[in-house]
């Protein structure tokens, strides 16, 4: 594989990239330009969404997630009810 430089000359990709077999996800989700993950959860009867959000924040803190990795729940929230 080659990349064309500013002089329209082909440069082998191996000059600046290393190829090796590895395990990796098949896809990466994004929110804007940043990689993102989705956490889904059900609310127990009698519990509010704010209580669930606070519980998630506590769990992330206990797991040692950096603040830069954390984001608030998206607004507006979409709630769905499934039987």
Protein backbone atom coordinates (compact mmCIF):
# COMPACT_ATOMS: atom_id res chain seq x y z
CA UNK A 1 0.00 0.00 0.00
CA UNK A 2 1.15 3.48 -0.79
CA UNK A 3 0.32 7.04 0.19
CA UNK A 4 0.84 9.85 -2.29
CA UNK A 5 3.00 12.68 -0.93
CA UNK A 6 2.84 16.40 -1.82
CA UNK A 7 5.14 15.78 -4.81
CA UNK A 8 2.68 13.17 -6.16
CA UNK A 9 5.15 10.37 -5.41
CA UNK A 10 4.03 7.08 -3.83
CA UNK A 11 5.41 6.43 -0.34
CA UNK A 12 5.12 2.90 1.08
CA UNK A 13 2.75 2.86 4.04
CA UNK A 14 5.32 0.74 5.90
CA UNK A 15 7.57 3.85 6.13
CA UNK A 16 5.35 5.32 8.84
CA UNK A 17 2.96 2.54 9.92
CA UNK A 18 3.44 -0.81 11.61
CA UNK A 19 1.18 -3.77 10.83
CA UNK A 20 0.62 -6.55 13.32
CA UNK A 21 -2.21 -8.94 14.15
CA UNK A 22 -4.24 -7.94 17.19
CA UNK A 23 -7.70 -8.23 18.72
CA UNK A 24 -9.76 -5.10 18.23
CA UNK A 25 -13.42 -4.08 18.17
CA UNK A 26 -15.24 -4.44 14.87
CA UNK A 27 -16.49 -0.89 15.16
CA UNK A 28 -16.06 2.19 17.34
CA UNK A 29 -19.08 4.29 18.33
CA UNK A 30 -18.74 8.06 18.32
CA UNK A 31 -20.46 11.08 19.79
CA UNK A 32 -19.27 13.98 17.71
CA UNK A 33 -15.57 13.36 17.09
CA UNK A 34 -14.98 11.42 20.32
CA UNK A 35 -15.19 7.68 20.87
CA UNK A 36 -18.26 6.85 22.96
CA UNK A 37 -19.97 3.97 24.74
CA UNK A 38 -23.62 3.50 25.56
CA UNK A 39 -24.81 2.32 28.96
CA UNK A 40 -28.36 0.97 29.07
CA UNK A 41 -30.29 0.35 32.27
CA UNK A 42 -33.77 -0.24 33.60
CA UNK A 43 -35.20 1.78 36.46
CA UNK A 44 -36.49 -0.21 39.44
CA UNK A 45 -40.07 0.56 40.41
CA UNK A 46 -40.22 3.72 42.50
CA UNK A 47 -36.76 5.02 41.48
CA UNK A 48 -36.14 8.18 39.47
CA UNK A 49 -33.84 8.80 36.53
CA UNK A 50 -31.81 11.25 38.64
CA UNK A 51 -31.24 8.54 41.26
CA UNK A 52 -30.01 6.18 38.54
CA UNK A 53 -27.73 8.87 37.13
CA UNK A 54 -26.24 9.51 40.58
CA UNK A 55 -25.69 5.76 41.10
CA UNK A 56 -23.86 5.55 37.76
CA UNK A 57 -21.68 8.53 38.71
CA UNK A 58 -20.81 6.87 42.05
CA UNK A 59 -19.94 3.59 40.33
CA UNK A 60 -17.71 5.36 37.81
CA UNK A 61 -15.91 7.16 40.64
CA UNK A 62 -15.39 3.88 42.52
CA UNK A 63 -14.01 2.30 39.33
CA UNK A 64 -11.52 5.16 39.01
CA UNK A 65 -12.86 6.59 35.77
CA UNK A 66 -11.19 9.88 34.97
CA UNK A 67 -13.47 12.89 34.86
CA UNK A 68 -12.41 13.53 31.24
CA UNK A 69 -13.86 10.13 30.32
CA UNK A 70 -17.20 10.77 31.95
CA UNK A 71 -20.09 12.67 30.45
CA UNK A 72 -23.54 13.52 31.74
CA UNK A 73 -26.58 11.72 30.41
CA UNK A 74 -27.57 13.21 27.04
CA UNK A 75 -30.32 15.81 26.98
CA UNK A 76 -33.06 15.43 25.97
CA UNK A 77 -33.32 11.94 27.38
CA UNK A 78 -35.39 9.44 25.48
CA UNK A 79 -37.34 7.15 27.75
CA UNK A 80 -38.91 4.00 26.45
CA UNK A 81 -41.13 1.50 28.14
CA UNK A 82 -40.93 -2.16 27.17
CA UNK A 83 -43.22 -4.90 28.47
